[in-house]
PDB file of N, CA and C in Angstrom:
ATOM      1  N   MET A   1      87.978  98.509  63.354  1.00  0.00           N
ATOM      2  CA  MET A   1      87.614  97.125  63.573  1.00  0.00           C
ATOM      3  C   MET A   1      87.493  96.824  65.070  1.00  0.00           C
ATOM      4  N   GLN A   2      88.473  97.311  65.824  1.00  0.00           N
ATOM      5  CA  GLN A   2      88.475  97.079  67.273  1.00  0.00           C
ATOM      6  C   GLN A   2      87.271  97.764  67.924  1.00  0.00           C
ATOM      7  N   GLN A   3      86.954  98.987  67.489  1.00  0.00           N
ATOM      8  CA  GLN A   3      85.828  99.716  68.059  1.00  0.00           C
ATOM      9  C   GLN A   3      84.512  99.035  67.694  1.00  0.00           C
ATOM     10  N   GLN A   4      84.446  98.495  66.492  1.00  0.00           N
ATOM     11  CA  GLN A   4      83.241  97.805  66.056  1.00  0.00           C
ATOM     12  C   GLN A   4      83.028  96.533  66.881  1.00  0.00           C
ATOM     13  N   ARG A   5      84.105  95.814  67.153  1.00  0.00           N
ATOM     14  CA  ARG A   5      84.017  94.593  67.959  1.00  0.00           C
ATOM     15  C   ARG A   5      83.605  94.919  69.394  1.00  0.00           C
ATOM     16  N   ARG A   6      84.164  96.003  69.954  1.00  0.00           N
ATOM     17  CA  ARG A   6      83.821  96.397  71.319  1.00  0.00           C
ATOM     18  C   ARG A   6      82.346  96.782  71.411  1.00  0.00           C
ATOM     19  N   HIS A   7      81.845  97.484  70.393  1.00  0.00           N
ATOM     20  CA  HIS A   7      80.435  97.871  70.365  1.00  0.00           C
ATOM     21  C   HIS A   7      79.551  96.630  70.261  1.00  0.00           C
ATOM     22  N   PHE A   8      79.965  95.665  69.450  1.00  0.00           N
ATOM     23  CA  PHE A   8      79.194  94.427  69.314  1.00  0.00           C
ATOM     24  C   PHE A   8      79.180  93.651  70.627  1.00  0.00           C
ATOM     25  N   ASN A   9      80.321  93.587  71.297  1.00  0.00           N
ATOM     26  CA  ASN A   9      80.377  92.879  72.586  1.00  0.00           C
ATOM     27  C   ASN A   9      79.473  93.546  73.611  1.00  0.00           C
ATOM     28  N   GLN A  10      79.467  94.863  73.647  1.00  0.00           N
ATOM     29  CA  GLN A  10      78.617  95.581  74.595  1.00  0.00           C
ATOM     30  C   GLN A  10      77.147  95.362  74.257  1.00  0.00           C
ATOM     31  N   PHE A  11      76.805  95.393  72.982  1.00  0.00           N
ATOM     32  CA  PHE A  11      75.421  95.165  72.575  1.00  0.00           C
ATOM     33  C   PHE A  11      74.999  93.734  72.860  1.00  0.00           C
ATOM     34  N   SER A  12      75.880  92.764  72.603  1.00  0.00           N
ATOM     35  CA  SER A  12      75.518  91.363  72.829  1.00  0.00           C
ATOM     36  C   SER A  12      75.348  91.072  74.311  1.00  0.00           C
ATOM     37  N   LYS A  13      76.153  91.672  75.159  1.00  0.00           N
ATOM     38  CA  LYS A  13      75.996  91.478  76.610  1.00  0.00           C
ATOM     39  C   LYS A  13      74.662  92.041  77.082  1.00  0.00           C
ATOM     40  N   SER A  14      74.297  93.198  76.580  1.00  0.00           N
ATOM     41  CA  SER A  14      73.014  93.799  76.953  1.00  0.00           C
ATOM     42  C   SER A  14      71.849  92.958  76.443  1.00  0.00           C
ATOM     43  N   ALA A  15      71.976  92.443  75.228  1.00  0.00           N
ATOM     44  CA  ALA A  15      70.900  91.627  74.653  1.00  0.00           C
ATOM     45  C   ALA A  15      70.729  90.320  75.414  1.00  0.00           C
ATOM     46  N   ILE A  16      71.818  89.667  75.734  1.00  0.00           N
ATOM     47  CA  ILE A  16      71.729  88.410  76.490  1.00  0.00           C
ATOM     48  C   ILE A  16      71.165  88.665  77.879  1.00  0.00           C
ATOM     49  N   GLY A  17      71.582  89.747  78.523  1.00  0.00           N
ATOM     50  CA  GLY A  17      71.037  90.086  79.838  1.00  0.00           C
ATOM     51  C   GLY A  17      69.549  90.347  79.785  1.00  0.00           C
ATOM     52  N   GLY A  18      69.111  91.065  78.756  1.00  0.00           N
ATOM     53  CA  GLY A  18      67.676  91.328  78.609  1.00  0.00           C
ATOM     54  C   GLY A  18      66.876  90.055  78.348  1.00  0.00           C
ATOM     55  N   LEU A  19      67.419  89.163  77.525  1.00  0.00           N
ATOM     56  CA  LEU A  19      66.733  87.887  77.265  1.00  0.00           C
ATOM     57  C   LEU A  19      66.637  87.021  78.524  1.00  0.00           C
ATOM     58  N   LEU A  20      67.692  87.006  79.318  1.00  0.00           N
ATOM     59  CA  LEU A  20      67.655  86.211  80.560  1.00  0.00           C
ATOM     60  C   LEU A  20      66.657  86.775  81.563  1.00  0.00           C
ATOM     61  N   ILE A  21      66.604  88.084  81.675  1.00  0.00           N
ATOM     62  CA  ILE A  21      65.622  88.710  82.568  1.00  0.00           C
ATOM     63  C   ILE A  21      64.212  88.421  82.080  1.00  0.00           C
ATOM     64  N   GLY A  22      64.014  88.519  80.769  1.00  0.00           N
ATOM     65  CA  GLY A  22      62.702  88.205  80.208  1.00  0.00           C
ATOM     66  C   GLY A  22      62.299  86.753  80.442  1.00  0.00           C
ATOM     67  N   MET A  23      63.261  85.824  80.345  1.00  0.00           N
ATOM     68  CA  MET A  23      62.960  84.417  80.576  1.00  0.00           C
ATOM     69  C   MET A  23      62.545  84.166  82.029  1.00  0.00           C
ATOM     70  N   VAL A  24      63.246  84.777  82.963  1.00  0.00           N
ATOM     71  CA  VAL A  24      62.901  84.599  84.374  1.00  0.00           C
ATOM     72  C   VAL A  24      61.527  85.193  84.667  1.00  0.00           C
ATOM     73  N   LEU A  25      61.234  86.354  84.100  1.00  0.00           N
ATOM     74  CA  LEU A  25      59.912  86.959  84.305  1.00  0.00           C
ATOM     75  C   LEU A  25      58.805  86.125  83.664  1.00  0.00           C
ATOM     76  N   LEU A  26      59.059  85.544  82.490  1.00  0.00           N
ATOM     77  CA  LEU A  26      58.071  84.685  81.846  1.00  0.00           C
ATOM     78  C   LEU A  26      57.836  83.416  82.662  1.00  0.00           C
ATOM     79  N   LEU A  27      58.900  82.813  83.174  1.00  0.00           N
ATOM     80  CA  LEU A  27      58.741  81.630  84.032  1.00  0.00           C
ATOM     81  C   LEU A  27      57.955  81.963  85.291  1.00  0.00           C
ATOM     82  N   ASP A  28      58.226  83.125  85.874  1.00  0.00           N
ATOM     83  CA  ASP A  28      57.507  83.542  87.074  1.00  0.00           C
ATOM     84  C   ASP A  28      56.031  83.779  86.766  1.00  0.00           C
ATOM     85  N   ALA A  29      55.733  84.400  85.637  1.00  0.00           N
ATOM     86  CA  ALA A  29      54.334  84.653  85.260  1.00  0.00           C
ATOM     87  C   ALA A  29      53.608  83.339  84.981  1.00  0.00           C
ATOM     88  N   MET A  30      54.278  82.393  84.318  1.00  0.00           N
ATOM     89  CA  MET A  30      53.654  81.107  84.023  1.00  0.00           C
ATOM     90  C   MET A  30      53.467  80.277  85.290  1.00  0.00           C
ATOM     91  N   ALA A  31      54.360  80.442  86.274  1.00  0.00           N
ATOM     92  CA  ALA A  31      54.193  79.722  87.534  1.00  0.00           C
ATOM     93  C   ALA A  31      53.047  80.326  88.342  1.00  0.00           C
ATOM     94  N   ALA A  32      52.810  81.615  88.224  1.00  0.00           N
ATOM     95  CA  ALA A  32      51.740  82.268  88.973  1.00  0.00           C
ATOM     96  C   ALA A  32      50.383  82.082  88.307  1.00  0.00           C
ATOM     97  N   CYS A  33      50.355  81.944  87.011  1.00  0.00           N
ATOM     98  CA  CYS A  33      49.094  81.842  86.270  1.00  0.00           C
ATOM     99  C   CYS A  33      49.042  80.498  85.528  1.00  0.00           C
ATOM    100  N   PRO A  34      48.298  79.507  86.059  1.00  0.00           N
ATOM    101  CA  PRO A  34      48.251  78.190  85.407  1.00  0.00           C
ATOM    102  C   PRO A  34      47.649  78.235  84.001  1.00  0.00           C
ATOM    103  N   GLU A  35      46.767  79.160  83.731  1.00  0.00           N
ATOM    104  CA  GLU A  35      46.182  79.253  82.391  1.00  0.00           C
ATOM    105  C   GLU A  35      47.250  79.609  81.346  1.00  0.00           C
ATOM    106  N   LEU A  36      48.170  80.477  81.712  1.00  0.00           N
ATOM    107  CA  LEU A  36      49.268  80.834  80.823  1.00  0.00           C
ATOM    108  C   LEU A  36      50.193  79.639  80.598  1.00  0.00           C
ATOM    109  N   HIS A  37      50.364  78.834  81.641  1.00  0.00           N
ATOM    110  CA  HIS A  37      51.191  77.636  81.530  1.00  0.00           C
ATOM    111  C   HIS A  37      50.524  76.609  80.615  1.00  0.00           C
ATOM    112  N   GLU A  38      49.204  76.522  80.686  1.00  0.00           N
ATOM    113  CA  GLU A  38      48.480  75.567  79.835  1.00  0.00           C
ATOM    114  C   GLU A  38      48.479  75.995  78.371  1.00  0.00           C
ATOM    115  N   LEU A  39      48.714  77.270  78.086  1.00  0.00           N
ATOM    116  CA  LEU A  39      48.852  77.696  76.694  1.00  0.00           C
ATOM    117  C   LEU A  39      50.109  77.095  76.055  1.00  0.00           C
ATOM    118  N   ILE A  40      51.148  76.911  76.855  1.00  0.00           N
ATOM    119  CA  ILE A  40      52.400  76.335  76.360  1.00  0.00           C
ATOM    120  C   ILE A  40      52.334  74.809  76.367  1.00  0.00           C
ATOM    121  N   HIS A  41      51.891  74.237  77.497  1.00  0.00           N
ATOM    122  CA  HIS A  41      51.784  72.782  77.645  1.00  0.00           C
ATOM    123  C   HIS A  41      50.320  72.407  77.805  1.00  0.00           C
ATOM    124  N   LYS A  42      49.865  71.453  77.029  1.00  0.00           N
ATOM    125  CA  LYS A  42      48.478  71.000  77.163  1.00  0.00           C
ATOM    126  C   LYS A  42      48.309  70.094  78.382  1.00  0.00           C
ATOM    127  N   ASP A  43      49.387  69.416  78.800  1.00  0.00           N
ATOM    128  CA  ASP A  43      49.307  68.526  79.963  1.00  0.00           C
ATOM    129  C   ASP A  43      49.841  69.200  81.234  1.00  0.00           C
ATOM    130  N   ALA A  44      49.753  70.497  81.327  1.00  0.00           N
ATOM    131  CA  ALA A  44      50.302  71.235  82.464  1.00  0.00           C
ATOM    132  C   ALA A  44      49.519  70.999  83.748  1.00  0.00           C
ATOM    133  N   ASP A  45      48.255  70.571  83.655  1.00  0.00           N
ATOM    134  CA  ASP A  45      47.454  70.363  84.861  1.00  0.00           C
ATOM    135  C   ASP A  45      47.624  68.963  85.437  1.00  0.00           C
ATOM    136  N   GLU A  46      48.423  68.096  84.805  1.00  0.00           N
ATOM    137  CA  GLU A  46      48.640  66.751  85.338  1.00  0.00           C
ATOM    138  C   GLU A  46      49.557  66.809  86.552  1.00  0.00           C
ATOM    139  N   HIS A  47      49.428  65.787  87.401  1.00  0.00           N
ATOM    140  CA  HIS A  47      50.167  65.759  88.664  1.00  0.00           C
ATOM    141  C   HIS A  47      51.664  65.515  88.446  1.00  0.00           C
ATOM    142  N   ASP A  48      52.009  64.641  87.509  1.00  0.00           N
ATOM    143  CA  ASP A  48      53.415  64.281  87.320  1.00  0.00           C
ATOM    144  C   ASP A  48      54.101  65.096  86.210  1.00  0.00           C
ATOM    145  N   HIS A  49      53.554  66.239  85.875  1.00  0.00           N
ATOM    146  CA  HIS A  49      54.130  67.083  84.826  1.00  0.00           C
ATOM    147  C   HIS A  49      55.401  67.753  85.346  1.00  0.00           C
ATOM    148  N   GLN A  50      56.481  67.633  84.597  1.00  0.00           N
ATOM    149  CA  GLN A  50      57.762  68.239  84.966  1.00  0.00           C
ATOM    150  C   GLN A  50      58.248  69.119  83.824  1.00  0.00           C
ATOM    151  N   CYS A  51      58.458  70.359  84.092  1.00  0.00           N
ATOM    152  CA  CYS A  51      59.065  71.276  83.124  1.00  0.00           C
ATOM    153  C   CYS A  51      59.734  72.404  83.908  1.00  0.00           C
ATOM    154  N   ALA A  52      60.295  73.354  83.185  1.00  0.00           N
ATOM    155  CA  ALA A  52      61.011  74.456  83.838  1.00  0.00           C
ATOM    156  C   ALA A  52      60.077  75.307  84.689  1.00  0.00           C
ATOM    157  N   VAL A  53      58.825  75.430  84.262  1.00  0.00           N
ATOM    158  CA  VAL A  53      57.871  76.260  85.011  1.00  0.00           C
ATOM    159  C   VAL A  53      57.540  75.612  86.345  1.00  0.00           C
ATOM    160  N   THR A  54      57.278  74.311  86.354  1.00  0.00           N
ATOM    161  CA  THR A  54      56.942  73.635  87.620  1.00  0.00           C
ATOM    162  C   THR A  54      58.153  73.597  88.543  1.00  0.00           C
ATOM    163  N   MET A  55      59.328  73.417  87.977  1.00  0.00           N
ATOM    164  CA  MET A  55      60.531  73.431  88.821  1.00  0.00           C
ATOM    165  C   MET A  55      60.767  74.819  89.401  1.00  0.00           C
ATOM    166  N   PHE A  56      60.512  75.850  88.610  1.00  0.00           N
ATOM    167  CA  PHE A  56      60.662  77.222  89.086  1.00  0.00           C
ATOM    168  C   PHE A  56      59.635  77.528  90.167  1.00  0.00           C
ATOM    169  N   ALA A  57      58.407  77.020  89.997  1.00  0.00           N
ATOM    170  CA  ALA A  57      57.345  77.258  90.981  1.00  0.00           C
ATOM    171  C   ALA A  57      57.622  76.539  92.289  1.00  0.00           C
ATOM    172  N   GLN A  58      58.263  75.363  92.215  1.00  0.00           N
ATOM    173  CA  GLN A  58      58.558  74.593  93.425  1.00  0.00           C
ATOM    174  C   GLN A  58      59.881  74.983  94.078  1.00  0.00           C
ATOM    175  N   GLY A  59      60.586  75.894  93.464  1.00  0.00           N
ATOM    176  CA  GLY A  59      61.851  76.361  94.041  1.00  0.00           C
ATOM    177  C   GLY A  59      63.009  75.437  93.776  1.00  0.00           C
ATOM    178  N   LYS A  60      62.893  74.572  92.785  1.00  0.00           N
ATOM    179  CA  LYS A  60      63.974  73.642  92.463  1.00  0.00           C
ATOM    180  C   LYS A  60      64.910  74.263  91.439  1.00  0.00           C
ATOM    181  N   VAL A  61      65.406  75.412  91.763  1.00  0.00           N
ATOM    182  CA  VAL A  61      66.297  76.139  90.873  1.00  0.00           C
ATOM    183  C   VAL A  61      67.699  76.047  91.456  1.00  0.00           C
ATOM    184  N   GLU A  62      68.618  75.573  90.659  1.00  0.00           N
ATOM    185  CA  GLU A  62      69.995  75.467  91.130  1.00  0.00           C
ATOM    186  C   GLU A  62      70.706  76.786  90.886  1.00  0.00           C
ATOM    187  N   SER A  63      71.459  77.169  91.855  1.00  0.00           N
ATOM    188  CA  SER A  63      72.260  78.376  91.694  1.00  0.00           C
ATOM    189  C   SER A  63      73.681  78.060  92.117  1.00  0.00           C
ATOM    190  N   ALA A  64      74.575  78.778  91.564  1.00  0.00           N
ATOM    191  CA  ALA A  64      75.982  78.556  91.882  1.00  0.00           C
ATOM    192  C   ALA A  64      76.291  79.126  93.257  1.00  0.00           C
ATOM    193  N   THR A  65      76.988  78.336  94.035  1.00  0.00           N
ATOM    194  CA  THR A  65      77.427  78.820  95.340  1.00  0.00           C
ATOM    195  C   THR A  65      78.922  79.073  95.268  1.00  0.00           C
ATOM    196  N   VAL A  66      79.301  80.154  95.840  1.00  0.00           N
ATOM    197  CA  VAL A  66      80.704  80.534  95.829  1.00  0.00           C
ATOM    198  C   VAL A  66      81.159  80.669  97.267  1.00  0.00           C
ATOM    199  N   GLU A  67      82.177  79.914  97.590  1.00  0.00           N
ATOM    200  CA  GLU A  67      82.744  80.010  98.930  1.00  0.00           C
ATOM    201  C   GLU A  67      84.003  80.852  98.853  1.00  0.00           C
ATOM    202  N   VAL A  68      83.971  81.956  99.548  1.00  0.00           N
ATOM    203  CA  VAL A  68      85.116  82.856  99.559  1.00  0.00           C
ATOM    204  C   VAL A  68      85.852  82.651 100.870  1.00  0.00           C
ATOM    205  N   PRO A  69      87.077  82.173 100.801  1.00  0.00           N
ATOM    206  CA  PRO A  69      87.815  81.986 102.055  1.00  0.00           C
ATOM    207  C   PRO A  69      88.209  83.325 102.655  1.00  0.00           C
ATOM    208  N   ILE A  70      87.982  83.432 103.930  1.00  0.00           N
ATOM    209  CA  ILE A  70      88.347  84.656 104.638  1.00  0.00           C
ATOM    210  C   ILE A  70      89.715  84.436 105.264  1.00  0.00           C
ATOM    211  N   PRO A  71      90.679  85.213 104.887  1.00  0.00           N
ATOM    212  CA  PRO A  71      92.020  85.010 105.452  1.00  0.00           C
ATOM    213  C   PRO A  71      92.030  85.377 106.934  1.00  0.00           C
ATOM    214  N   GLU A  72      92.729  84.556 107.670  1.00  0.00           N
ATOM    215  CA  GLU A  72      92.829  84.829 109.103  1.00  0.00           C
ATOM    216  C   GLU A  72      93.809  85.974 109.326  1.00  0.00           C
ATOM    217  N   ALA A  73      93.441  86.806 110.242  1.00  0.00           N
ATOM    218  CA  ALA A  73      94.309  87.933 110.564  1.00  0.00           C
ATOM    219  C   ALA A  73      95.482  87.433 111.396  1.00  0.00           C
ATOM    220  N   THR A  74      96.649  87.674 110.908  1.00  0.00           N
ATOM    221  CA  THR A  74      97.840  87.251 111.642  1.00  0.00           C
ATOM    222  C   THR A  74      98.633  88.477 112.029  1.00  0.00           C
ATOM    223  N   ALA A  75      98.939  88.527 113.276  1.00  0.00           N
ATOM    224  CA  ALA A  75      99.744  89.634 113.784  1.00  0.00           C
ATOM    225  C   ALA A  75     101.050  89.050 114.309  1.00  0.00           C
ATOM    226  N   ILE A  76     102.117  89.450 113.708  1.00  0.00           N
ATOM    227  CA  ILE A  76     103.425  88.964 114.132  1.00  0.00           C
ATOM    228  C   ILE A  76     104.047  90.036 115.013  1.00  0.00           C
ATOM    229  N   VAL A  77     104.205  89.681 116.251  1.00  0.00           N
ATOM    230  CA  VAL A  77     104.818  90.599 117.203  1.00  0.00           C
ATOM    231  C   VAL A  77     106.103  89.950 117.680  1.00  0.00           C
ATOM    232  N   GLN A  78     107.187  90.603 117.425  1.00  0.00           N
ATOM    233  CA  GLN A  78     108.472  90.077 117.829  1.00  0.00           C
ATOM    234  C   GLN A  78     109.098  91.091 118.778  1.00  0.00           C
ATOM    235  N   ALA A  79     109.184  90.690 120.012  1.00  0.00           N
ATOM    236  CA  ALA A  79     109.718  91.596 121.026  1.00  0.00           C
ATOM    237  C   ALA A  79     111.117  91.143 121.415  1.00  0.00           C
ATOM    238  N   GLU A  80     112.062  92.005 121.168  1.00  0.00           N
ATOM    239  CA  GLU A  80     113.434  91.729 121.574  1.00  0.00           C
ATOM    240  C   GLU A  80     113.818  92.758 122.622  1.00  0.00           C
ATOM    241  N   PRO A  81     114.400  92.305 123.700  1.00  0.00           N
ATOM    242  CA  PRO A  81     114.786  93.274 124.730  1.00  0.00           C
ATOM    243  C   PRO A  81     115.896  94.188 124.213  1.00  0.00           C
ATOM    244  N   GLN A  82     115.711  95.433 124.457  1.00  0.00           N
ATOM    245  CA  GLN A  82     116.686  96.417 124.019  1.00  0.00           C
ATOM    246  C   GLN A  82     117.428  96.911 125.252  1.00  0.00           C
ATOM    247  N   ILE A  83     118.673  96.575 125.298  1.00  0.00           N
ATOM    248  CA  ILE A  83     119.484  96.919 126.472  1.00  0.00           C
ATOM    249  C   ILE A  83     120.379  98.104 126.117  1.00  0.00           C
ATOM    250  N   ILE A  84     120.254  99.151 126.913  1.00  0.00           N
ATOM    251  CA  ILE A  84     121.074 100.342 126.714  1.00  0.00           C
ATOM    252  C   ILE A  84     121.929 100.530 127.962  1.00  0.00           C
ATOM    253  N   PHE A  85     123.227 100.557 127.747  1.00  0.00           N
ATOM    254  CA  PHE A  85     124.149 100.758 128.861  1.00  0.00           C
ATOM    255  C   PHE A  85     124.573 102.221 128.909  1.00  0.00           C
ATOM    256  N   SER A  86     124.591 102.750 130.096  1.00  0.00           N
ATOM    257  CA  SER A  86     125.064 104.105 130.299  1.00  0.00           C
ATOM    258  C   SER A  86     126.079 104.051 131.430  1.00  0.00           C
ATOM    259  N   VAL A  87     127.329 104.274 131.079  1.00  0.00           N
ATOM    260  CA  VAL A  87     128.411 104.165 132.063  1.00  0.00           C
ATOM    261  C   VAL A  87     129.127 105.510 132.113  1.00  0.00           C
ATOM    262  N   PHE A  88     129.306 106.004 133.333  1.00  0.00           N
ATOM    263  CA  PHE A  88     130.002 107.276 133.519  1.00  0.00           C
ATOM    264  C   PHE A  88     131.495 106.998 133.663  1.00  0.00           C
ATOM    265  N   THR A  89     132.259 107.642 132.812  1.00  0.00           N
ATOM    266  CA  THR A  89     133.722 107.552 132.941  1.00  0.00           C
ATOM    267  C   THR A  89     134.288 108.963 132.865  1.00  0.00           C
ATOM    268  N   PRO A  90     134.993 109.347 133.855  1.00  0.00           N
ATOM    269  CA  PRO A  90     135.615 110.674 133.808  1.00  0.00           C
ATOM    270  C   PRO A  90     136.883 110.620 132.954  1.00  0.00           C
ATOM    271  N   ASP A  91     136.716 110.488 131.700  1.00  0.00           N
ATOM    272  CA  ASP A  91     137.852 110.351 130.791  1.00  0.00           C
ATOM    273  C   ASP A  91     138.205 111.718 130.220  1.00  0.00           C
ATOM    274  N   ILE A  92     139.374 112.189 130.522  1.00  0.00           N
ATOM    275  CA  ILE A  92     139.784 113.507 130.071  1.00  0.00           C
ATOM    276  C   ILE A  92     140.504 113.422 128.725  1.00  0.00           C
ATOM    277  N   ARG A  93     140.748 112.261 128.259  1.00  0.00           N
ATOM    278  CA  ARG A  93     141.458 112.131 126.984  1.00  0.00           C
ATOM    279  C   ARG A  93     140.614 112.674 125.827  1.00  0.00           C
ATOM    280  N   ASN A  94     139.314 112.680 125.971  1.00  0.00           N
ATOM    281  CA  ASN A  94     138.455 113.162 124.897  1.00  0.00           C
ATOM    282  C   ASN A  94     138.403 114.684 124.819  1.00  0.00           C
ATOM    283  N   LEU A  95     138.852 115.350 125.855  1.00  0.00           N
ATOM    284  CA  LEU A  95     138.822 116.806 125.869  1.00  0.00           C
ATOM    285  C   LEU A  95     140.017 117.370 125.120  1.00  0.00           C
ATOM    286  N   SER A  96     139.849 118.569 124.614  1.00  0.00           N
ATOM    287  CA  SER A  96     140.961 119.205 123.897  1.00  0.00           C
ATOM    288  C   SER A  96     142.036 119.642 124.880  1.00  0.00           C
ATOM    289  N   GLN A  97     143.238 119.870 124.346  1.00  0.00           N
ATOM    290  CA  GLN A  97     144.361 120.238 125.206  1.00  0.00           C
ATOM    291  C   GLN A  97     144.207 121.643 125.796  1.00  0.00           C
ATOM    292  N   ALA A  98     143.477 122.512 125.169  1.00  0.00           N
ATOM    293  CA  ALA A  98     143.355 123.887 125.643  1.00  0.00           C
ATOM    294  C   ALA A  98     142.339 124.006 126.761  1.00  0.00           C
ATOM    295  N   ARG A  99     141.643 122.951 127.048  1.00  0.00           N
ATOM    296  CA  ARG A  99     140.604 123.026 128.064  1.00  0.00           C
ATOM    297  C   ARG A  99     141.170 122.619 129.408  1.00  0.00           C
ATOM    298  N   ALA A 100     140.831 123.386 130.406  1.00  0.00           N
ATOM    299  CA  ALA A 100     141.292 123.106 131.760  1.00  0.00           C
ATOM    300  C   ALA A 100     140.122 122.651 132.596  1.00  0.00           C
ATOM    301  N   PRO A 101     140.376 122.132 133.773  1.00  0.00           N
ATOM    302  CA  PRO A 101     139.283 121.766 134.661  1.00  0.00           C
ATOM    303  C   PRO A 101     138.506 123.002 135.073  1.00  0.00           C
ATOM    304  N   PRO A 102     137.277 122.835 135.544  1.00  0.00           N
ATOM    305  CA  PRO A 102     136.451 123.993 135.892  1.00  0.00           C
ATOM    306  C   PRO A 102     137.104 124.819 137.038  1.00  0.00           C
ATOM    307  N   PHE A 103     136.905 126.108 136.947  1.00  0.00           N
ATOM    308  CA  PHE A 103     137.463 127.027 137.938  1.00  0.00           C
ATOM    309  C   PHE A 103     136.431 127.233 139.027  1.00  0.00           C
ATOM    310  N   LEU A 104     136.743 126.787 140.253  1.00  0.00           N
ATOM    311  CA  LEU A 104     135.832 126.928 141.356  1.00  0.00           C
ATOM    312  C   LEU A 104     136.200 128.126 142.249  1.00  0.00           C
ATOM    313  N   PHE A 105     137.428 128.242 142.579  1.00  0.00           N
ATOM    314  CA  PHE A 105     137.853 129.384 143.394  1.00  0.00           C
ATOM    315  C   PHE A 105     139.277 129.750 143.015  1.00  0.00           C
ATOM    316  N   ALA A 106     139.609 130.923 143.316  1.00  0.00           N
ATOM    317  CA  ALA A 106     140.957 131.412 142.946  1.00  0.00           C
ATOM    318  C   ALA A 106     141.938 131.055 144.032  1.00  0.00           C
ATOM    319  N   VAL A 107     143.067 130.571 143.632  1.00  0.00           N
ATOM    320  CA  VAL A 107     144.149 130.220 144.579  1.00  0.00           C
ATOM    321  C   VAL A 107     145.242 131.312 144.435  1.00  0.00           C
ATOM    322  N   SER A 108     145.591 131.886 145.545  1.00  0.00           N
ATOM    323  CA  SER A 108     146.625 132.898 145.448  1.00  0.00           C
ATOM    324  C   SER A 108     147.878 132.509 146.171  1.00  0.00           C
TER     325      SER A 108
END
């Protein structure tokens, strides 16, 4: 059932698309050829005649406009000063008990 419905939806979308394309092409052909337009309307050659063909020929076709907002690029830069202290302390408490000061010369 689900596969049958999906096939029908795909077929119906294709059919509607084909009909819409055919309608636009027919309107364009009738706007280009007044004799073809007169086959549909007998009063097509009058000055005040208004129909889809005359509106299509005059460019009075409404189309949907879509405004897409473009997000502004935001760059957040947060700079914090990084302070590093380096202090020299000759602290011998951190050394092991078996370690002696460096040997520079021998005392006799």
